[in-house]
Structure formats: structure tokens, C-alpha cells
Amino acid sequence: MEENAQLLLSQGWQISPVPMYFLGFDISWLVMKEAFVSPYDHRAYSFSEAMHLEMLAHPHQSLLSGLA
């Protein structure tokens, strides 16, 4: 997943920490989750959502081709 995260970063995405809630309580002091901020609409997405959006934005090129 780290390699794919690097691919998103190279496409202009940014990584941002997001607060975590458990039963309505903010447990950010204990754990934070990672979100990817879109260069298109500046909203935070999970890793899988970010990969999906990037594939939709560039359907003619495969992000995974950069792994070879």
C-alpha cells in the first residue's frame, strides 16, 4: 500500500491525519487515521476511495504501471 500511496502523492494528493471517534468519543489522543486530500475538490477520502477517484480522473493511464 505504501507504493500506491506514493503514486497518489505524485499525482498531487496530500496525506492528512483525521480524528478518530469511538462510540461518539474523540479518541484522537490515542489513534489517528490517515486520509488522502484530493487535488480536485480538496476533500478527504480513504485510500480506496482516493485510488478509485484517481482511476476515474485518468482512465487512459494505469497508476499501477508506475510500479513496474
PDB file of N, CA and C in Angstrom:
ATOM      1  N   MET A   1       0.822  -1.187   0.000  1.00  0.00           N
ATOM      2  CA  MET A   1       0.000   0.000   0.000  1.00  0.00           C
ATOM      3  C   MET A   1       0.866   1.250   0.000  1.00  0.00           C
ATOM      4  N   GLU A   2       2.031   1.185   0.598  1.00  0.00           N
ATOM      5  CA  GLU A   2       2.910   2.354   0.661  1.00  0.00           C
ATOM      6  C   GLU A   2       3.325   2.816  -0.733  1.00  0.00           C
ATOM      7  N   GLU A   3       3.567   1.854  -1.636  1.00  0.00           N
ATOM      8  CA  GLU A   3       3.926   2.216  -3.012  1.00  0.00           C
ATOM      9  C   GLU A   3       2.773   2.934  -3.690  1.00  0.00           C
ATOM     10  N   ASN A   4       1.553   2.447  -3.478  1.00  0.00           N
ATOM     11  CA  ASN A   4       0.377   3.081  -4.070  1.00  0.00           C
ATOM     12  C   ASN A   4       0.139   4.464  -3.477  1.00  0.00           C
ATOM     13  N   ALA A   5       0.428   4.629  -2.191  1.00  0.00           N
ATOM     14  CA  ALA A   5       0.300   5.947  -1.569  1.00  0.00           C
ATOM     15  C   ALA A   5       1.277   6.917  -2.220  1.00  0.00           C
ATOM     16  N   GLN A   6       2.479   6.445  -2.539  1.00  0.00           N
ATOM     17  CA  GLN A   6       3.453   7.297  -3.225  1.00  0.00           C
ATOM     18  C   GLN A   6       2.936   7.705  -4.601  1.00  0.00           C
ATOM     19  N   LEU A   7       2.237   6.797  -5.274  1.00  0.00           N
ATOM     20  CA  LEU A   7       1.654   7.124  -6.577  1.00  0.00           C
ATOM     21  C   LEU A   7       0.605   8.223  -6.442  1.00  0.00           C
ATOM     22  N   LEU A   8      -0.227   8.140  -5.409  1.00  0.00           N
ATOM     23  CA  LEU A   8      -1.223   9.183  -5.193  1.00  0.00           C
ATOM     24  C   LEU A   8      -0.548  10.519  -4.900  1.00  0.00           C
ATOM     25  N   LEU A   9       0.492  10.481  -4.083  1.00  0.00           N
ATOM     26  CA  LEU A   9       1.210  11.715  -3.759  1.00  0.00           C
ATOM     27  C   LEU A   9       1.822  12.339  -5.006  1.00  0.00           C
ATOM     28  N   SER A  10       2.319  11.508  -5.906  1.00  0.00           N
ATOM     29  CA  SER A  10       2.922  12.027  -7.135  1.00  0.00           C
ATOM     30  C   SER A  10       1.874  12.641  -8.065  1.00  0.00           C
ATOM     31  N   GLN A  11       0.605  12.285  -7.878  1.00  0.00           N
ATOM     32  CA  GLN A  11      -0.478  12.841  -8.687  1.00  0.00           C
ATOM     33  C   GLN A  11      -1.088  14.090  -8.041  1.00  0.00           C
ATOM     34  N   GLY A  12      -0.513  14.545  -6.930  1.00  0.00           N
ATOM     35  CA  GLY A  12      -0.987  15.775  -6.294  1.00  0.00           C
ATOM     36  C   GLY A  12      -1.834  15.590  -5.053  1.00  0.00           C
ATOM     37  N   TRP A  13      -2.086  14.343  -4.660  1.00  0.00           N
ATOM     38  CA  TRP A  13      -2.852  14.084  -3.444  1.00  0.00           C
ATOM     39  C   TRP A  13      -1.980  14.398  -2.234  1.00  0.00           C
ATOM     40  N   GLN A  14      -2.603  14.738  -1.111  1.00  0.00           N
ATOM     41  CA  GLN A  14      -1.884  15.003   0.130  1.00  0.00           C
ATOM     42  C   GLN A  14      -2.422  14.087   1.222  1.00  0.00           C
ATOM     43  N   ILE A  15      -1.543  13.716   2.145  1.00  0.00           N
ATOM     44  CA  ILE A  15      -1.951  12.886   3.282  1.00  0.00           C
ATOM     45  C   ILE A  15      -2.232  13.805   4.465  1.00  0.00           C
ATOM     46  N   SER A  16      -3.338  13.543   5.140  1.00  0.00           N
ATOM     47  CA  SER A  16      -3.729  14.360   6.280  1.00  0.00           C
ATOM     48  C   SER A  16      -4.263  13.456   7.390  1.00  0.00           C
ATOM     49  N   PRO A  17      -3.917  13.739   8.645  1.00  0.00           N
ATOM     50  CA  PRO A  17      -4.491  12.964   9.745  1.00  0.00           C
ATOM     51  C   PRO A  17      -5.945  13.378   9.984  1.00  0.00           C
ATOM     52  N   VAL A  18      -6.767  12.407  10.326  1.00  0.00           N
ATOM     53  CA  VAL A  18      -8.193  12.642  10.568  1.00  0.00           C
ATOM     54  C   VAL A  18      -8.521  12.123  11.962  1.00  0.00           C
ATOM     55  N   PRO A  19      -9.289  12.881  12.750  1.00  0.00           N
ATOM     56  CA  PRO A  19      -9.652  12.401  14.088  1.00  0.00           C
ATOM     57  C   PRO A  19     -10.460  11.109  14.024  1.00  0.00           C
ATOM     58  N   MET A  20     -10.294  10.311  15.035  1.00  0.00           N
ATOM     59  CA  MET A  20     -10.975   9.020  15.113  1.00  0.00           C
ATOM     60  C   MET A  20     -11.993   9.090  16.257  1.00  0.00           C
ATOM     61  N   TYR A  21     -13.186   8.543  16.014  1.00  0.00           N
ATOM     62  CA  TYR A  21     -14.244   8.533  17.025  1.00  0.00           C
ATOM     63  C   TYR A  21     -14.652   7.099  17.327  1.00  0.00           C
ATOM     64  N   PHE A  22     -14.918   6.838  18.604  1.00  0.00           N
ATOM     65  CA  PHE A  22     -15.383   5.528  19.041  1.00  0.00           C
ATOM     66  C   PHE A  22     -16.550   5.758  19.988  1.00  0.00           C
ATOM     67  N   LEU A  23     -17.709   5.230  19.632  1.00  0.00           N
ATOM     68  CA  LEU A  23     -18.938   5.418  20.418  1.00  0.00           C
ATOM     69  C   LEU A  23     -19.208   6.899  20.690  1.00  0.00           C
ATOM     70  N   GLY A  24     -18.891   7.738  19.725  1.00  0.00           N
ATOM     71  CA  GLY A  24     -19.152   9.167  19.845  1.00  0.00           C
ATOM     72  C   GLY A  24     -18.086   9.959  20.573  1.00  0.00           C
ATOM     73  N   PHE A  25     -17.044   9.277  21.066  1.00  0.00           N
ATOM     74  CA  PHE A  25     -15.978   9.968  21.784  1.00  0.00           C
ATOM     75  C   PHE A  25     -14.758  10.124  20.884  1.00  0.00           C
ATOM     76  N   ASP A  26     -14.157  11.287  20.942  1.00  0.00           N
ATOM     77  CA  ASP A  26     -12.953  11.573  20.166  1.00  0.00           C
ATOM     78  C   ASP A  26     -11.767  10.878  20.833  1.00  0.00           C
ATOM     79  N   ILE A  27     -11.176   9.906  20.126  1.00  0.00           N
ATOM     80  CA  ILE A  27     -10.018   9.186  20.673  1.00  0.00           C
ATOM     81  C   ILE A  27      -8.752   9.528  19.884  1.00  0.00           C
ATOM     82  N   SER A  28      -8.697  10.768  19.370  1.00  0.00           N
ATOM     83  CA  SER A  28      -7.546  11.196  18.578  1.00  0.00           C
ATOM     84  C   SER A  28      -6.250  11.167  19.379  1.00  0.00           C
ATOM     85  N   TRP A  29      -6.337  11.333  20.671  1.00  0.00           N
ATOM     86  CA  TRP A  29      -5.143  11.289  21.501  1.00  0.00           C
ATOM     87  C   TRP A  29      -4.534   9.889  21.504  1.00  0.00           C
ATOM     88  N   LEU A  30      -5.349   8.895  21.149  1.00  0.00           N
ATOM     89  CA  LEU A  30      -4.896   7.512  21.150  1.00  0.00           C
ATOM     90  C   LEU A  30      -4.497   7.036  19.756  1.00  0.00           C
ATOM     91  N   VAL A  31      -5.311   7.377  18.770  1.00  0.00           N
ATOM     92  CA  VAL A  31      -5.053   6.907  17.408  1.00  0.00           C
ATOM     93  C   VAL A  31      -5.653   7.899  16.408  1.00  0.00           C
ATOM     94  N   MET A  32      -4.959   8.070  15.304  1.00  0.00           N
ATOM     95  CA  MET A  32      -5.466   8.905  14.211  1.00  0.00           C
ATOM     96  C   MET A  32      -5.497   8.033  12.969  1.00  0.00           C
ATOM     97  N   LYS A  33      -6.431   8.318  12.076  1.00  0.00           N
ATOM     98  CA  LYS A  33      -6.411   7.599  10.818  1.00  0.00           C
ATOM     99  C   LYS A  33      -5.948   8.548   9.720  1.00  0.00           C
ATOM    100  N   GLU A  34      -5.525   7.958   8.628  1.00  0.00           N
ATOM    101  CA  GLU A  34      -4.968   8.707   7.515  1.00  0.00           C
ATOM    102  C   GLU A  34      -6.035   8.953   6.465  1.00  0.00           C
ATOM    103  N   ALA A  35      -6.063  10.165   5.935  1.00  0.00           N
ATOM    104  CA  ALA A  35      -6.966  10.482   4.833  1.00  0.00           C
ATOM    105  C   ALA A  35      -6.144  11.083   3.708  1.00  0.00           C
ATOM    106  N   PHE A  36      -6.630  10.910   2.502  1.00  0.00           N
ATOM    107  CA  PHE A  36      -5.971  11.472   1.328  1.00  0.00           C
ATOM    108  C   PHE A  36      -6.821  12.634   0.827  1.00  0.00           C
ATOM    109  N   VAL A  37      -6.202  13.817   0.728  1.00  0.00           N
ATOM    110  CA  VAL A  37      -6.909  15.027   0.307  1.00  0.00           C
ATOM    111  C   VAL A  37      -6.758  15.175  -1.198  1.00  0.00           C
ATOM    112  N   SER A  38      -7.894  15.279  -1.866  1.00  0.00           N
ATOM    113  CA  SER A  38      -7.946  15.337  -3.324  1.00  0.00           C
ATOM    114  C   SER A  38      -7.433  16.672  -3.863  1.00  0.00           C
ATOM    115  N   PRO A  39      -6.645  16.630  -4.938  1.00  0.00           N
ATOM    116  CA  PRO A  39      -6.234  17.879  -5.580  1.00  0.00           C
ATOM    117  C   PRO A  39      -7.367  18.478  -6.420  1.00  0.00           C
ATOM    118  N   TYR A  40      -8.431  17.727  -6.625  1.00  0.00           N
ATOM    119  CA  TYR A  40      -9.541  18.166  -7.472  1.00  0.00           C
ATOM    120  C   TYR A  40     -10.598  18.940  -6.695  1.00  0.00           C
ATOM    121  N   ASP A  41     -11.055  18.379  -5.563  1.00  0.00           N
ATOM    122  CA  ASP A  41     -12.104  19.055  -4.796  1.00  0.00           C
ATOM    123  C   ASP A  41     -11.690  19.352  -3.352  1.00  0.00           C
ATOM    124  N   HIS A  42     -10.458  19.037  -2.989  1.00  0.00           N
ATOM    125  CA  HIS A  42      -9.875  19.327  -1.669  1.00  0.00           C
ATOM    126  C   HIS A  42     -10.661  18.701  -0.521  1.00  0.00           C
ATOM    127  N   ARG A  43     -11.270  17.547  -0.779  1.00  0.00           N
ATOM    128  CA  ARG A  43     -11.966  16.792   0.253  1.00  0.00           C
ATOM    129  C   ARG A  43     -11.114  15.603   0.665  1.00  0.00           C
ATOM    130  N   ALA A  44     -11.338  15.117   1.876  1.00  0.00           N
ATOM    131  CA  ALA A  44     -10.591  13.974   2.395  1.00  0.00           C
ATOM    132  C   ALA A  44     -11.298  12.676   2.022  1.00  0.00           C
ATOM    133  N   TYR A  45     -10.504  11.695   1.579  1.00  0.00           N
ATOM    134  CA  TYR A  45     -11.023  10.386   1.187  1.00  0.00           C
ATOM    135  C   TYR A  45     -10.157   9.296   1.808  1.00  0.00           C
ATOM    136  N   SER A  46     -10.746   8.111   1.962  1.00  0.00           N
ATOM    137  CA  SER A  46      -9.959   6.951   2.388  1.00  0.00           C
ATOM    138  C   SER A  46      -9.041   6.545   1.239  1.00  0.00           C
ATOM    139  N   PHE A  47      -8.102   5.666   1.518  1.00  0.00           N
ATOM    140  CA  PHE A  47      -7.158   5.234   0.489  1.00  0.00           C
ATOM    141  C   PHE A  47      -7.877   4.609  -0.699  1.00  0.00           C
ATOM    142  N   SER A  48      -8.823   3.713  -0.435  1.00  0.00           N
ATOM    143  CA  SER A  48      -9.504   3.035  -1.544  1.00  0.00           C
ATOM    144  C   SER A  48     -10.350   4.010  -2.361  1.00  0.00           C
ATOM    145  N   GLU A  49     -10.998   4.959  -1.691  1.00  0.00           N
ATOM    146  CA  GLU A  49     -11.767   5.967  -2.422  1.00  0.00           C
ATOM    147  C   GLU A  49     -10.848   6.841  -3.274  1.00  0.00           C
ATOM    148  N   ALA A  50      -9.699   7.205  -2.728  1.00  0.00           N
ATOM    149  CA  ALA A  50      -8.744   8.040  -3.464  1.00  0.00           C
ATOM    150  C   ALA A  50      -8.228   7.311  -4.701  1.00  0.00           C
ATOM    151  N   MET A  51      -7.907   6.026  -4.565  1.00  0.00           N
ATOM    152  CA  MET A  51      -7.442   5.259  -5.720  1.00  0.00           C
ATOM    153  C   MET A  51      -8.541   5.170  -6.775  1.00  0.00           C
ATOM    154  N   HIS A  52      -9.773   4.968  -6.348  1.00  0.00           N
ATOM    155  CA  HIS A  52     -10.891   4.884  -7.284  1.00  0.00           C
ATOM    156  C   HIS A  52     -11.077   6.212  -8.030  1.00  0.00           C
ATOM    157  N   LEU A  53     -11.046   7.321  -7.305  1.00  0.00           N
ATOM    158  CA  LEU A  53     -11.206   8.635  -7.934  1.00  0.00           C
ATOM    159  C   LEU A  53     -10.073   8.939  -8.906  1.00  0.00           C
ATOM    160  N   GLU A  54      -8.874   8.538  -8.549  1.00  0.00           N
ATOM    161  CA  GLU A  54      -7.733   8.793  -9.435  1.00  0.00           C
ATOM    162  C   GLU A  54      -7.849   7.962 -10.706  1.00  0.00           C
ATOM    163  N   MET A  55      -8.332   6.735 -10.584  1.00  0.00           N
ATOM    164  CA  MET A  55      -8.546   5.906 -11.774  1.00  0.00           C
ATOM    165  C   MET A  55      -9.623   6.518 -12.674  1.00  0.00           C
ATOM    166  N   LEU A  56     -10.651   7.120 -12.073  1.00  0.00           N
ATOM    167  CA  LEU A  56     -11.694   7.778 -12.861  1.00  0.00           C
ATOM    168  C   LEU A  56     -11.172   9.049 -13.530  1.00  0.00           C
ATOM    169  N   ALA A  57     -10.278   9.752 -12.846  1.00  0.00           N
ATOM    170  CA  ALA A  57      -9.735  11.003 -13.390  1.00  0.00           C
ATOM    171  C   ALA A  57      -8.781  10.748 -14.549  1.00  0.00           C
ATOM    172  N   HIS A  58      -8.103   9.604 -14.529  1.00  0.00           N
ATOM    173  CA  HIS A  58      -7.132   9.258 -15.575  1.00  0.00           C
ATOM    174  C   HIS A  58      -7.402   7.846 -16.090  1.00  0.00           C
ATOM    175  N   PRO A  59      -8.516   7.628 -16.768  1.00  0.00           N
ATOM    176  CA  PRO A  59      -8.857   6.263 -17.203  1.00  0.00           C
ATOM    177  C   PRO A  59      -7.907   5.702 -18.258  1.00  0.00           C
ATOM    178  N   HIS A  60      -7.246   6.561 -19.006  1.00  0.00           N
ATOM    179  CA  HIS A  60      -6.369   6.099 -20.082  1.00  0.00           C
ATOM    180  C   HIS A  60      -5.001   5.661 -19.586  1.00  0.00           C
ATOM    181  N   GLN A  61      -4.630   6.056 -18.372  1.00  0.00           N
ATOM    182  CA  GLN A  61      -3.332   5.632 -17.854  1.00  0.00           C
ATOM    183  C   GLN A  61      -3.519   4.862 -16.561  1.00  0.00           C
ATOM    184  N   SER A  62      -2.777   3.809 -16.417  1.00  0.00           N
ATOM    185  CA  SER A  62      -2.869   2.983 -15.222  1.00  0.00           C
ATOM    186  C   SER A  62      -1.877   3.480 -14.185  1.00  0.00           C
ATOM    187  N   LEU A  63      -2.358   3.735 -12.977  1.00  0.00           N
ATOM    188  CA  LEU A  63      -1.462   4.148 -11.902  1.00  0.00           C
ATOM    189  C   LEU A  63      -0.475   3.044 -11.567  1.00  0.00           C
ATOM    190  N   LEU A  64      -0.924   1.813 -11.716  1.00  0.00           N
ATOM    191  CA  LEU A  64      -0.076   0.689 -11.341  1.00  0.00           C
ATOM    192  C   LEU A  64       1.056   0.462 -12.331  1.00  0.00           C
ATOM    193  N   SER A  65       1.019   1.102 -13.490  1.00  0.00           N
ATOM    194  CA  SER A  65       2.117   0.945 -14.447  1.00  0.00           C
ATOM    195  C   SER A  65       3.400   1.557 -13.900  1.00  0.00           C
ATOM    196  N   GLY A  66       3.282   2.472 -12.944  1.00  0.00           N
ATOM    197  CA  GLY A  66       4.461   3.075 -12.334  1.00  0.00           C
ATOM    198  C   GLY A  66       5.185   2.145 -11.384  1.00  0.00           C
ATOM    199  N   LEU A  67       4.562   1.026 -11.040  1.00  0.00           N
ATOM    200  CA  LEU A  67       5.186   0.081 -10.115  1.00  0.00           C
ATOM    201  C   LEU A  67       6.200  -0.820 -10.798  1.00  0.00           C
ATOM    202  N   ALA A  68       6.098  -0.990 -12.082  1.00  0.00           N
ATOM    203  CA  ALA A  68       6.976  -1.921 -12.798  1.00  0.00           C
ATOM    204  C   ALA A  68       8.380  -1.385 -12.945  1.00  0.00           C
TER     205      ALA A  68
END
